[in-house]
Amino acid sequence: MKFNYQLLLLFLLSVFIFSCSEDEDEEYLGNWSELSDFDGVPRSDAVGFTINNKGYIGTGYDGDDRLNDFWEYDPEFNYWTQKADFPGEARTGAVGIGTNNKGYIGTGYDGEEKLNDFWEFDATNNIWERKADFSGSGRYGAVGFAINNKIIVGTGYDENYLKDFYEFDPDTDTWTKIISIGGSKRTDASCFVIGTKAYVTSGLDNGSYLTDLWEYDPISGLWTEKRDIADTDDDDDYDDDYTTIARLSAVGFAVNGFGYLATGSSSSLSSTVWEYDPVYDLWDEKTSYEGPTRTEAVGFSIGSKIYITTGRSSSYYLDDIWSFDPNEEYDEDN
């Protein structure tokens, strides 16, 4: 029987076209750029936040010691400046929250004790001041965010997985317990603030990666459950691709009215990046993180860009920094 080379050629061509089509489908919107390395020692489980269009990083663990140094990043000129050391106990697993002109660090673990102290950083004068202790139990792996000129801290681990939340008023230096988040207790969750609402999702509870998402309204003081971040709705197909959103120790941030999750780990380290649209309560996958995969990184948003730095990959501690523009076309050379 004579072999049909034309048929074979057509078959191989169709395979090539299909493969190219699949590759094109896997290209998502958003572009990553590597910047000047963090000047401090590589570390994981630090805190990061924004004050007046500057990024700040402090505390963490370098593989041998817990740290209390503190650094400022200038995105306009792409350089780092060391600031006054954090005066509390060196720690990991703390919360870090930035406002328009102040930053806050509290809770965490110093290697022996779970902590509940709370500190305010005045970026203008480079001064730290101890504030009223966090009124919940000492803990690590909590989440914290600023909304309506108040600081909100909750969840975490204190020998028990937690779901309680507390509000700090900087004007009166007082804490007030607020309504606990619904659903599961959790540690190492992620959060972001979009407009006048805050969102908490993911994390770990009793060995399970959580897939619920909760919206906090500071006016009513209530939590509202949103759609899950996994394929749990058999009646609709909007979540069919929600296979890589849930994770722990991820970086959460918000830019231009959208929330984002990046880095972290589930069954393995994650490089996927997901964008949350609060109007439609839907997630969309973006261009994957291009730095080494990692967990326990820190991130902050400035203007229309997101910045991720530090973290660890297994026992390797990292000090590179990457920026992400979620609306820029992907450029593999940049």
C-alpha atoms as a PDB file:
ATOM      1  CA  MET A   1       0.000   0.000   0.000  1.00  0.00           C
ATOM      2  CA  LYS A   2       1.329   3.449  -0.969  1.00  0.00           C
ATOM      3  CA  PHE A   3       1.914   5.832   1.970  1.00  0.00           C
ATOM      4  CA  ASN A   4      -0.025   9.117   1.699  1.00  0.00           C
ATOM      5  CA  TYR A   5       2.498  11.852   2.512  1.00  0.00           C
ATOM      6  CA  GLN A   6      -0.003  14.613   1.731  1.00  0.00           C
ATOM      7  CA  LEU A   7      -2.376  13.246   4.378  1.00  0.00           C
ATOM      8  CA  LEU A   8       0.459  13.104   6.926  1.00  0.00           C
ATOM      9  CA  LEU A   9       1.450  16.696   6.114  1.00  0.00           C
ATOM     10  CA  LEU A  10      -2.100  17.926   6.566  1.00  0.00           C
ATOM     11  CA  PHE A  11      -2.350  16.097   9.888  1.00  0.00           C
ATOM     12  CA  LEU A  12       0.897  17.593  11.217  1.00  0.00           C
ATOM     13  CA  LEU A  13      -0.149  21.055  10.045  1.00  0.00           C
ATOM     14  CA  SER A  14      -3.482  20.767  11.856  1.00  0.00           C
ATOM     15  CA  VAL A  15      -1.695  19.674  15.041  1.00  0.00           C
ATOM     16  CA  PHE A  16       0.645  22.686  14.776  1.00  0.00           C
ATOM     17  CA  ILE A  17      -2.230  25.128  14.230  1.00  0.00           C
ATOM     18  CA  PHE A  18      -4.183  23.653  17.149  1.00  0.00           C
ATOM     19  CA  SER A  19      -1.126  23.840  19.419  1.00  0.00           C
ATOM     20  CA  CYS A  20      -0.515  27.471  18.474  1.00  0.00           C
ATOM     21  CA  SER A  21      -4.156  28.240  19.128  1.00  0.00           C
ATOM     22  CA  GLU A  22      -3.889  26.651  22.580  1.00  0.00           C
ATOM     23  CA  ASP A  23      -0.737  28.655  23.347  1.00  0.00           C
ATOM     24  CA  GLU A  24      -2.486  31.870  22.344  1.00  0.00           C
ATOM     25  CA  ASP A  25      -5.403  31.010  24.590  1.00  0.00           C
ATOM     26  CA  GLU A  26      -2.973  30.670  27.501  1.00  0.00           C
ATOM     27  CA  GLU A  27      -1.639  34.220  27.118  1.00  0.00           C
ATOM     28  CA  TYR A  28      -3.338  36.483  29.650  1.00  0.00           C
ATOM     29  CA  LEU A  29      -3.431  40.239  30.028  1.00  0.00           C
ATOM     30  CA  GLY A  30      -0.863  41.819  32.358  1.00  0.00           C
ATOM     31  CA  ASN A  31       2.889  42.390  32.232  1.00  0.00           C
ATOM     32  CA  TRP A  32       5.658  41.745  34.774  1.00  0.00           C
ATOM     33  CA  SER A  33       8.945  43.665  35.022  1.00  0.00           C
ATOM     34  CA  GLU A  34      11.921  42.892  37.271  1.00  0.00           C
ATOM     35  CA  LEU A  35      13.255  45.849  39.268  1.00  0.00           C
ATOM     36  CA  SER A  36      16.202  46.621  41.548  1.00  0.00           C
ATOM     37  CA  ASP A  37      16.670  43.924  44.208  1.00  0.00           C
ATOM     38  CA  PHE A  38      15.539  44.602  47.752  1.00  0.00           C
ATOM     39  CA  ASP A  39      18.566  46.015  49.641  1.00  0.00           C
ATOM     40  CA  GLY A  40      17.877  44.134  52.885  1.00  0.00           C
ATOM     41  CA  VAL A  41      18.707  40.493  53.486  1.00  0.00           C
ATOM     42  CA  PRO A  42      16.484  37.925  51.739  1.00  0.00           C
ATOM     43  CA  ARG A  43      13.549  36.895  53.940  1.00  0.00           C
ATOM     44  CA  SER A  44      10.074  35.434  54.138  1.00  0.00           C
ATOM     45  CA  ASP A  45       6.948  36.050  56.215  1.00  0.00           C
ATOM     46  CA  ALA A  46       7.640  39.799  56.481  1.00  0.00           C
ATOM     47  CA  VAL A  47       5.106  42.645  56.250  1.00  0.00           C
ATOM     48  CA  GLY A  48       4.628  45.083  53.391  1.00  0.00           C
ATOM     49  CA  PHE A  49       2.382  48.087  52.856  1.00  0.00           C
ATOM     50  CA  THR A  50       2.093  51.496  51.166  1.00  0.00           C
ATOM     51  CA  ILE A  51       2.307  55.013  52.632  1.00  0.00           C
ATOM     52  CA  ASN A  52       2.035  58.038  50.323  1.00  0.00           C
ATOM     53  CA  ASN A  53       3.143  56.245  47.148  1.00  0.00           C
ATOM     54  CA  LYS A  54       6.135  54.561  48.776  1.00  0.00           C
ATOM     55  CA  GLY A  55       6.414  50.871  49.583  1.00  0.00           C
ATOM     56  CA  TYR A  56       7.571  49.608  52.996  1.00  0.00           C
ATOM     57  CA  ILE A  57       8.936  46.239  54.116  1.00  0.00           C
ATOM     58  CA  GLY A  58       9.992  45.037  57.550  1.00  0.00           C
ATOM     59  CA  THR A  59      10.358  42.100  59.957  1.00  0.00           C
ATOM     60  CA  GLY A  60      10.445  38.500  58.647  1.00  0.00           C
ATOM     61  CA  TYR A  61      12.806  35.524  58.816  1.00  0.00           C
ATOM     62  CA  ASP A  62      16.059  34.979  56.894  1.00  0.00           C
ATOM     63  CA  GLY A  63      16.481  31.264  57.573  1.00  0.00           C
ATOM     64  CA  ASP A  64      18.441  31.815  60.791  1.00  0.00           C
ATOM     65  CA  ASP A  65      17.008  34.833  62.593  1.00  0.00           C
ATOM     66  CA  ARG A  66      13.846  36.861  62.925  1.00  0.00           C
ATOM     67  CA  LEU A  67      14.331  40.436  61.811  1.00  0.00           C
ATOM     68  CA  ASN A  68      13.283  43.951  62.797  1.00  0.00           C
ATOM     69  CA  ASP A  69      14.870  46.111  60.077  1.00  0.00           C
ATOM     70  CA  PHE A  70      12.586  48.351  58.037  1.00  0.00           C
ATOM     71  CA  TRP A  71      12.916  49.652  54.464  1.00  0.00           C
ATOM     72  CA  GLU A  72      11.304  52.132  52.080  1.00  0.00           C
ATOM     73  CA  TYR A  73      11.000  51.624  48.312  1.00  0.00           C
ATOM     74  CA  ASP A  74      10.720  54.553  45.879  1.00  0.00           C
ATOM     75  CA  PRO A  75       9.047  53.286  42.673  1.00  0.00           C
ATOM     76  CA  GLU A  76       9.775  56.469  40.725  1.00  0.00           C
ATOM     77  CA  PHE A  77      13.554  56.103  41.048  1.00  0.00           C
ATOM     78  CA  ASN A  78      13.627  52.354  41.771  1.00  0.00           C
ATOM     79  CA  TYR A  79      15.757  52.426  44.923  1.00  0.00           C
ATOM     80  CA  TRP A  80      15.602  51.416  48.603  1.00  0.00           C
ATOM     81  CA  THR A  81      16.303  53.418  51.770  1.00  0.00           C
ATOM     82  CA  GLN A  82      16.708  51.877  55.214  1.00  0.00           C
ATOM     83  CA  LYS A  83      14.480  53.509  57.820  1.00  0.00           C
ATOM     84  CA  ALA A  84      14.356  53.343  61.630  1.00  0.00           C
ATOM     85  CA  ASP A  85      14.301  49.755  62.851  1.00  0.00           C
ATOM     86  CA  PHE A  86      10.991  48.382  64.038  1.00  0.00           C
ATOM     87  CA  PRO A  87      11.343  48.681  67.857  1.00  0.00           C
ATOM     88  CA  GLY A  88       9.194  45.719  68.846  1.00  0.00           C
ATOM     89  CA  GLU A  89      10.360  42.123  69.103  1.00  0.00           C
ATOM     90  CA  ALA A  90      11.712  40.746  65.832  1.00  0.00           C
ATOM     91  CA  ARG A  91       8.950  38.577  64.416  1.00  0.00           C
ATOM     92  CA  THR A  92       7.287  36.658  61.613  1.00  0.00           C
ATOM     93  CA  GLY A  93       3.645  36.318  60.664  1.00  0.00           C
ATOM     94  CA  ALA A  94       2.694  39.866  61.707  1.00  0.00           C
ATOM     95  CA  VAL A  95       0.157  42.162  60.066  1.00  0.00           C
ATOM     96  CA  GLY A  96       1.282  45.320  58.285  1.00  0.00           C
ATOM     97  CA  ILE A  97      -1.180  48.022  57.246  1.00  0.00           C
ATOM     98  CA  GLY A  98      -0.561  51.368  55.538  1.00  0.00           C
ATOM     99  CA  THR A  99      -2.747  54.491  55.515  1.00  0.00           C
ATOM    100  CA  ASN A 100      -2.252  57.878  53.839  1.00  0.00           C
ATOM    101  CA  ASN A 101       0.490  58.961  56.249  1.00  0.00           C
ATOM    102  CA  LYS A 102       1.025  56.210  58.822  1.00  0.00           C
ATOM    103  CA  GLY A 103       1.916  52.526  58.890  1.00  0.00           C
ATOM    104  CA  TYR A 104       1.086  49.876  61.469  1.00  0.00           C
ATOM    105  CA  ILE A 105       2.697  46.582  62.492  1.00  0.00           C
ATOM    106  CA  GLY A 106       1.304  44.218  65.102  1.00  0.00           C
ATOM    107  CA  THR A 107       0.752  40.631  66.243  1.00  0.00           C
ATOM    108  CA  GLY A 108       3.084  37.870  64.954  1.00  0.00           C
ATOM    109  CA  TYR A 109       5.444  35.303  66.486  1.00  0.00           C
ATOM    110  CA  ASP A 110       8.906  35.912  67.977  1.00  0.00           C
ATOM    111  CA  GLY A 111       9.950  32.259  68.164  1.00  0.00           C
ATOM    112  CA  GLU A 112       8.572  31.772  71.671  1.00  0.00           C
ATOM    113  CA  GLU A 113       5.481  33.937  72.136  1.00  0.00           C
ATOM    114  CA  LYS A 114       2.462  34.810  70.044  1.00  0.00           C
ATOM    115  CA  LEU A 115       2.310  38.591  70.161  1.00  0.00           C
ATOM    116  CA  ASN A 116      -0.431  41.221  70.491  1.00  0.00           C
ATOM    117  CA  ASP A 117       1.565  44.466  70.600  1.00  0.00           C
ATOM    118  CA  PHE A 118       0.768  47.148  68.029  1.00  0.00           C
ATOM    119  CA  TRP A 119       3.015  49.891  66.629  1.00  0.00           C
ATOM    120  CA  GLU A 120       2.545  53.010  64.517  1.00  0.00           C
ATOM    121  CA  PHE A 121       5.145  54.331  62.049  1.00  0.00           C
ATOM    122  CA  ASP A 122       5.232  58.034  61.171  1.00  0.00           C
ATOM    123  CA  ALA A 123       6.791  58.042  57.696  1.00  0.00           C
ATOM    124  CA  THR A 124       7.285  61.820  57.633  1.00  0.00           C
ATOM    125  CA  ASN A 125       9.414  61.862  60.778  1.00  0.00           C
ATOM    126  CA  ASN A 126      10.739  58.271  60.606  1.00  0.00           C
ATOM    127  CA  ILE A 127       9.471  57.563  64.136  1.00  0.00           C
ATOM    128  CA  TRP A 128       7.815  54.523  65.719  1.00  0.00           C
ATOM    129  CA  GLU A 129       5.318  54.764  68.576  1.00  0.00           C
ATOM    130  CA  ARG A 130       3.750  51.931  70.523  1.00  0.00           C
ATOM    131  CA  LYS A 131      -0.035  52.092  70.547  1.00  0.00           C
ATOM    132  CA  ALA A 132      -2.677  50.228  72.553  1.00  0.00           C
ATOM    133  CA  ASP A 133      -2.131  46.485  72.404  1.00  0.00           C
ATOM    134  CA  PHE A 134      -4.336  44.529  70.007  1.00  0.00           C
ATOM    135  CA  SER A 135      -7.291  43.452  72.153  1.00  0.00           C
ATOM    136  CA  GLY A 136      -7.597  39.960  70.711  1.00  0.00           C
ATOM    137  CA  SER A 137      -5.351  37.088  71.705  1.00  0.00           C
ATOM    138  CA  GLY A 138      -1.694  37.072  70.662  1.00  0.00           C
ATOM    139  CA  ARG A 139      -1.519  35.390  67.263  1.00  0.00           C
ATOM    140  CA  TYR A 140       0.254  35.039  63.952  1.00  0.00           C
ATOM    141  CA  GLY A 141      -1.029  34.519  60.406  1.00  0.00           C
ATOM    142  CA  ALA A 142      -3.774  37.148  60.799  1.00  0.00           C
ATOM    143  CA  VAL A 143      -4.986  39.609  58.156  1.00  0.00           C
ATOM    144  CA  GLY A 144      -5.182  43.387  58.500  1.00  0.00           C
ATOM    145  CA  PHE A 145      -6.481  46.240  56.375  1.00  0.00           C
ATOM    146  CA  ALA A 146      -7.344  49.937  56.598  1.00  0.00           C
ATOM    147  CA  ILE A 147     -10.791  51.230  55.690  1.00  0.00           C
ATOM    148  CA  ASN A 148     -12.638  54.457  56.562  1.00  0.00           C
ATOM    149  CA  ASN A 149      -9.631  55.646  58.620  1.00  0.00           C
ATOM    150  CA  LYS A 150      -9.852  52.579  60.835  1.00  0.00           C
ATOM    151  CA  ILE A 151      -7.560  49.546  61.092  1.00  0.00           C
ATOM    152  CA  ILE A 152      -9.205  46.094  61.017  1.00  0.00           C
ATOM    153  CA  VAL A 153      -7.334  42.971  62.207  1.00  0.00           C
ATOM    154  CA  GLY A 154      -8.592  39.408  62.535  1.00  0.00           C
ATOM    155  CA  THR A 155      -8.284  35.651  61.954  1.00  0.00           C
ATOM    156  CA  GLY A 156      -4.931  33.881  62.471  1.00  0.00           C
ATOM    157  CA  TYR A 157      -3.666  31.222  64.865  1.00  0.00           C
ATOM    158  CA  ASP A 158      -3.139  31.221  68.648  1.00  0.00           C
ATOM    159  CA  GLU A 159      -3.106  27.416  69.191  1.00  0.00           C
ATOM    160  CA  ASN A 160      -6.587  27.582  67.688  1.00  0.00           C
ATOM    161  CA  TYR A 161      -7.651  28.691  64.234  1.00  0.00           C
ATOM    162  CA  LEU A 162      -9.470  32.016  64.591  1.00  0.00           C
ATOM    163  CA  LYS A 163     -12.248  34.038  62.919  1.00  0.00           C
ATOM    164  CA  ASP A 164     -12.638  37.012  65.284  1.00  0.00           C
ATOM    165  CA  PHE A 165     -12.089  40.625  64.142  1.00  0.00           C
ATOM    166  CA  TYR A 166     -11.240  43.903  65.893  1.00  0.00           C
ATOM    167  CA  GLU A 167     -11.251  47.571  64.856  1.00  0.00           C
ATOM    168  CA  PHE A 168      -8.580  50.075  65.894  1.00  0.00           C
ATOM    169  CA  ASP A 169      -9.321  53.811  65.943  1.00  0.00           C
ATOM    170  CA  PRO A 170      -6.028  55.752  65.597  1.00  0.00           C
ATOM    171  CA  ASP A 171      -7.682  58.946  66.855  1.00  0.00           C
ATOM    172  CA  THR A 172      -8.655  57.439  70.223  1.00  0.00           C
ATOM    173  CA  ASP A 173      -6.008  54.683  70.401  1.00  0.00           C
ATOM    174  CA  THR A 174      -8.691  52.108  71.222  1.00  0.00           C
ATOM    175  CA  TRP A 175      -9.741  48.692  69.977  1.00  0.00           C
ATOM    176  CA  THR A 176     -13.337  47.477  69.572  1.00  0.00           C
ATOM    177  CA  LYS A 177     -14.418  43.926  68.812  1.00  0.00           C
ATOM    178  CA  ILE A 178     -16.574  43.728  65.682  1.00  0.00           C
ATOM    179  CA  ILE A 179     -18.629  40.945  64.101  1.00  0.00           C
ATOM    180  CA  SER A 180     -16.588  37.863  63.266  1.00  0.00           C
ATOM    181  CA  ILE A 181     -16.195  36.738  59.677  1.00  0.00           C
ATOM    182  CA  GLY A 182     -18.630  34.049  58.580  1.00  0.00           C
ATOM    183  CA  GLY A 183     -17.645  30.593  57.450  1.00  0.00           C
ATOM    184  CA  SER A 184     -14.488  28.870  58.592  1.00  0.00           C
ATOM    185  CA  LYS A 185     -11.809  29.888  61.012  1.00  0.00           C
ATOM    186  CA  ARG A 186      -8.570  30.517  59.133  1.00  0.00           C
ATOM    187  CA  THR A 187      -4.895  31.377  59.204  1.00  0.00           C
ATOM    188  CA  ASP A 188      -2.617  32.729  56.456  1.00  0.00           C
ATOM    189  CA  ALA A 189      -5.576  34.145  54.521  1.00  0.00           C
ATOM    190  CA  SER A 190      -5.436  37.106  52.113  1.00  0.00           C
ATOM    191  CA  CYS A 191      -7.310  40.392  51.964  1.00  0.00           C
ATOM    192  CA  PHE A 192      -7.712  43.519  49.860  1.00  0.00           C
ATOM    193  CA  VAL A 193      -9.813  46.694  49.939  1.00  0.00           C
ATOM    194  CA  ILE A 194     -11.802  47.883  46.924  1.00  0.00           C
ATOM    195  CA  GLY A 195     -13.561  51.202  47.336  1.00  0.00           C
ATOM    196  CA  THR A 196     -15.565  51.145  50.545  1.00  0.00           C
ATOM    197  CA  LYS A 197     -15.533  47.346  51.010  1.00  0.00           C
ATOM    198  CA  ALA A 198     -12.922  44.870  52.201  1.00  0.00           C
ATOM    199  CA  TYR A 199     -12.535  41.252  51.086  1.00  0.00           C
ATOM    200  CA  VAL A 200     -11.044  38.259  52.910  1.00  0.00           C
ATOM    201  CA  THR A 201     -10.508  34.914  51.237  1.00  0.00           C
ATOM    202  CA  SER A 202      -8.573  31.673  51.158  1.00  0.00           C
ATOM    203  CA  GLY A 203      -6.224  30.510  53.930  1.00  0.00           C
ATOM    204  CA  LEU A 204      -6.041  27.273  55.885  1.00  0.00           C
ATOM    205  CA  ASP A 205      -8.302  25.603  58.436  1.00  0.00           C
ATOM    206  CA  ASN A 206      -7.567  22.165  59.901  1.00  0.00           C
ATOM    207  CA  GLY A 207      -5.440  21.178  56.926  1.00  0.00           C
ATOM    208  CA  SER A 208      -7.969  22.330  54.302  1.00  0.00           C
ATOM    209  CA  TYR A 209      -7.417  25.116  51.767  1.00  0.00           C
ATOM    210  CA  LEU A 210     -10.441  27.376  52.044  1.00  0.00           C
ATOM    211  CA  THR A 211     -12.486  28.444  49.031  1.00  0.00           C
ATOM    212  CA  ASP A 212     -14.911  30.988  50.499  1.00  0.00           C
ATOM    213  CA  LEU A 213     -14.808  34.758  49.904  1.00  0.00           C
ATOM    214  CA  TRP A 214     -16.270  37.333  52.303  1.00  0.00           C
ATOM    215  CA  GLU A 215     -17.044  41.023  51.836  1.00  0.00           C
ATOM    216  CA  TYR A 216     -16.939  43.396  54.812  1.00  0.00           C
ATOM    217  CA  ASP A 217     -19.057  46.570  54.873  1.00  0.00           C
ATOM    218  CA  PRO A 218     -17.752  48.964  57.561  1.00  0.00           C
ATOM    219  CA  ILE A 219     -21.000  50.983  57.480  1.00  0.00           C
ATOM    220  CA  SER A 220     -23.256  48.079  58.450  1.00  0.00           C
ATOM    221  CA  GLY A 221     -20.480  46.159  60.185  1.00  0.00           C
ATOM    222  CA  LEU A 222     -21.654  42.990  58.421  1.00  0.00           C
ATOM    223  CA  TRP A 223     -19.902  40.283  56.415  1.00  0.00           C
ATOM    224  CA  THR A 224     -21.507  38.998  53.195  1.00  0.00           C
ATOM    225  CA  GLU A 225     -20.510  35.726  51.583  1.00  0.00           C
ATOM    226  CA  LYS A 226     -19.694  36.004  47.879  1.00  0.00           C
ATOM    227  CA  ARG A 227     -19.221  33.265  45.290  1.00  0.00           C
ATOM    228  CA  ASP A 228     -16.636  30.601  46.076  1.00  0.00           C
ATOM    229  CA  ILE A 229     -13.174  30.805  44.534  1.00  0.00           C
ATOM    230  CA  ALA A 230     -13.348  27.164  43.391  1.00  0.00           C
ATOM    231  CA  ASP A 231     -15.546  25.149  41.045  1.00  0.00           C
ATOM    232  CA  THR A 232     -18.272  24.385  43.585  1.00  0.00           C
ATOM    233  CA  ASP A 233     -21.384  25.437  41.622  1.00  0.00           C
ATOM    234  CA  ASP A 234     -22.612  22.540  39.490  1.00  0.00           C
ATOM    235  CA  ASP A 235     -25.464  24.572  38.021  1.00  0.00           C
ATOM    236  CA  ASP A 236     -23.325  27.286  36.371  1.00  0.00           C
ATOM    237  CA  ASP A 237     -20.131  27.292  34.327  1.00  0.00           C
ATOM    238  CA  TYR A 238     -18.630  30.643  35.438  1.00  0.00           C
ATOM    239  CA  ASP A 239     -16.345  28.789  37.866  1.00  0.00           C
ATOM    240  CA  ASP A 240     -15.261  25.899  35.644  1.00  0.00           C
ATOM    241  CA  ASP A 241     -11.711  27.282  35.423  1.00  0.00           C
ATOM    242  CA  TYR A 242     -11.437  28.180  39.122  1.00  0.00           C
ATOM    243  CA  THR A 243      -8.867  25.462  39.788  1.00  0.00           C
ATOM    244  CA  THR A 244      -5.867  27.487  40.995  1.00  0.00           C
ATOM    245  CA  ILE A 245      -7.251  30.414  43.006  1.00  0.00           C
ATOM    246  CA  ALA A 246      -7.395  28.932  46.520  1.00  0.00           C
ATOM    247  CA  ARG A 247      -4.070  29.091  48.381  1.00  0.00           C
ATOM    248  CA  LEU A 248      -2.432  30.190  51.622  1.00  0.00           C
ATOM    249  CA  SER A 249       0.243  32.780  52.416  1.00  0.00           C
ATOM    250  CA  ALA A 250      -0.561  34.596  49.172  1.00  0.00           C
ATOM    251  CA  VAL A 251      -0.174  38.289  48.436  1.00  0.00           C
ATOM    252  CA  GLY A 252      -3.485  40.143  48.202  1.00  0.00           C
ATOM    253  CA  PHE A 253      -3.818  43.703  46.871  1.00  0.00           C
ATOM    254  CA  ALA A 254      -6.158  45.999  44.945  1.00  0.00           C
ATOM    255  CA  VAL A 255      -5.619  48.300  41.958  1.00  0.00           C
ATOM    256  CA  ASN A 256      -8.111  50.361  39.936  1.00  0.00           C
ATOM    257  CA  GLY A 257     -11.200  48.785  41.443  1.00  0.00           C
ATOM    258  CA  PHE A 258     -10.069  45.157  41.174  1.00  0.00           C
ATOM    259  CA  GLY A 259      -8.614  42.726  43.715  1.00  0.00           C
ATOM    260  CA  TYR A 260      -5.716  40.359  43.075  1.00  0.00           C
ATOM    261  CA  LEU A 261      -4.198  37.175  44.482  1.00  0.00           C
ATOM    262  CA  ALA A 262      -0.655  36.109  43.596  1.00  0.00           C
ATOM    263  CA  THR A 263       2.096  33.743  44.822  1.00  0.00           C
ATOM    264  CA  GLY A 264       1.461  31.509  47.858  1.00  0.00           C
ATOM    265  CA  SER A 265       0.944  27.755  47.923  1.00  0.00           C
ATOM    266  CA  SER A 266      -1.667  25.032  47.826  1.00  0.00           C
ATOM    267  CA  SER A 267      -0.498  21.533  46.947  1.00  0.00           C
ATOM    268  CA  SER A 268       2.602  23.260  45.528  1.00  0.00           C
ATOM    269  CA  LEU A 269       3.950  26.788  45.102  1.00  0.00           C
ATOM    270  CA  SER A 270       1.678  28.883  42.910  1.00  0.00           C
ATOM    271  CA  SER A 271       2.616  31.270  40.101  1.00  0.00           C
ATOM    272  CA  THR A 272      -0.936  31.983  38.910  1.00  0.00           C
ATOM    273  CA  VAL A 273      -2.412  35.461  39.293  1.00  0.00           C
ATOM    274  CA  TRP A 274      -6.160  36.017  39.586  1.00  0.00           C
ATOM    275  CA  GLU A 275      -8.167  39.242  39.341  1.00  0.00           C
ATOM    276  CA  TYR A 276     -11.448  39.769  41.197  1.00  0.00           C
ATOM    277  CA  ASP A 277     -14.234  41.978  39.814  1.00  0.00           C
ATOM    278  CA  PRO A 278     -16.474  43.032  42.739  1.00  0.00           C
ATOM    279  CA  VAL A 279     -19.231  44.316  40.432  1.00  0.00           C
ATOM    280  CA  TYR A 280     -19.850  40.912  38.844  1.00  0.00           C
ATOM    281  CA  ASP A 281     -18.386  38.810  41.672  1.00  0.00           C
ATOM    282  CA  LEU A 282     -16.182  36.974  39.175  1.00  0.00           C
ATOM    283  CA  TRP A 283     -12.491  36.041  38.846  1.00  0.00           C
ATOM    284  CA  ASP A 284     -10.310  36.254  35.738  1.00  0.00           C
ATOM    285  CA  GLU A 285      -6.848  34.760  35.327  1.00  0.00           C
ATOM    286  CA  LYS A 286      -4.012  37.161  34.462  1.00  0.00           C
ATOM    287  CA  THR A 287      -0.434  36.650  33.291  1.00  0.00           C
ATOM    288  CA  SER A 288       1.352  34.357  35.746  1.00  0.00           C
ATOM    289  CA  TYR A 289       3.990  35.708  38.089  1.00  0.00           C
ATOM    290  CA  GLU A 290       7.349  35.609  36.294  1.00  0.00           C
ATOM    291  CA  GLY A 291       9.723  35.574  39.259  1.00  0.00           C
ATOM    292  CA  PRO A 292      10.686  32.330  41.009  1.00  0.00           C
ATOM    293  CA  THR A 293       7.592  30.735  42.532  1.00  0.00           C
ATOM    294  CA  ARG A 294       7.332  31.505  46.234  1.00  0.00           C
ATOM    295  CA  THR A 295       5.244  31.670  49.343  1.00  0.00           C
ATOM    296  CA  GLU A 296       5.215  34.126  52.280  1.00  0.00           C
ATOM    297  CA  ALA A 297       6.081  37.056  49.983  1.00  0.00           C
ATOM    298  CA  VAL A 298       4.965  40.645  50.558  1.00  0.00           C
ATOM    299  CA  GLY A 299       3.301  43.034  48.176  1.00  0.00           C
ATOM    300  CA  PHE A 300       2.057  46.586  47.910  1.00  0.00           C
ATOM    301  CA  SER A 301       0.235  48.601  45.256  1.00  0.00           C
ATOM    302  CA  ILE A 302       1.275  52.083  44.121  1.00  0.00           C
ATOM    303  CA  GLY A 303      -0.657  53.914  41.439  1.00  0.00           C
ATOM    304  CA  SER A 304      -1.723  51.433  38.782  1.00  0.00           C
ATOM    305  CA  LYS A 305       1.010  48.893  39.540  1.00  0.00           C
ATOM    306  CA  ILE A 306       1.540  46.047  41.967  1.00  0.00           C
ATOM    307  CA  TYR A 307       4.897  45.166  43.547  1.00  0.00           C
ATOM    308  CA  ILE A 308       5.912  41.767  44.946  1.00  0.00           C
ATOM    309  CA  THR A 309       9.161  40.987  46.741  1.00  0.00           C
ATOM    310  CA  THR A 310      10.896  38.629  49.196  1.00  0.00           C
ATOM    311  CA  GLY A 311       9.382  35.268  50.191  1.00  0.00           C
ATOM    312  CA  ARG A 312      10.844  31.800  50.051  1.00  0.00           C
ATOM    313  CA  SER A 313      10.964  28.817  47.742  1.00  0.00           C
ATOM    314  CA  SER A 314      11.436  25.781  49.986  1.00  0.00           C
ATOM    315  CA  SER A 315      14.463  26.764  52.124  1.00  0.00           C
ATOM    316  CA  TYR A 316      15.710  29.386  49.644  1.00  0.00           C
ATOM    317  CA  TYR A 317      15.020  32.974  50.727  1.00  0.00           C
ATOM    318  CA  LEU A 318      14.472  35.648  48.089  1.00  0.00           C
ATOM    319  CA  ASP A 319      15.197  39.388  47.643  1.00  0.00           C
ATOM    320  CA  ASP A 320      14.110  40.158  44.061  1.00  0.00           C
ATOM    321  CA  ILE A 321      11.260  42.591  43.341  1.00  0.00           C
ATOM    322  CA  TRP A 322       8.822  42.556  40.434  1.00  0.00           C
ATOM    323  CA  SER A 323       6.168  45.048  39.323  1.00  0.00           C
ATOM    324  CA  PHE A 324       2.936  44.064  37.604  1.00  0.00           C
ATOM    325  CA  ASP A 325       0.725  46.215  35.404  1.00  0.00           C
ATOM    326  CA  PRO A 326      -2.543  44.260  35.126  1.00  0.00           C
ATOM    327  CA  ASN A 327      -3.721  46.212  32.066  1.00  0.00           C
ATOM    328  CA  GLU A 328      -0.514  46.180  30.021  1.00  0.00           C
ATOM    329  CA  GLU A 329      -0.092  43.731  27.147  1.00  0.00           C
ATOM    330  CA  TYR A 330       2.266  40.891  27.977  1.00  0.00           C
ATOM    331  CA  ASP A 331       5.861  41.423  26.821  1.00  0.00           C
ATOM    332  CA  GLU A 332       8.064  38.362  27.218  1.00  0.00           C
ATOM    333  CA  ASP A 333      11.204  40.519  26.926  1.00  0.00           C
ATOM    334  CA  ASN A 334      10.211  42.876  29.756  1.00  0.00           C
END
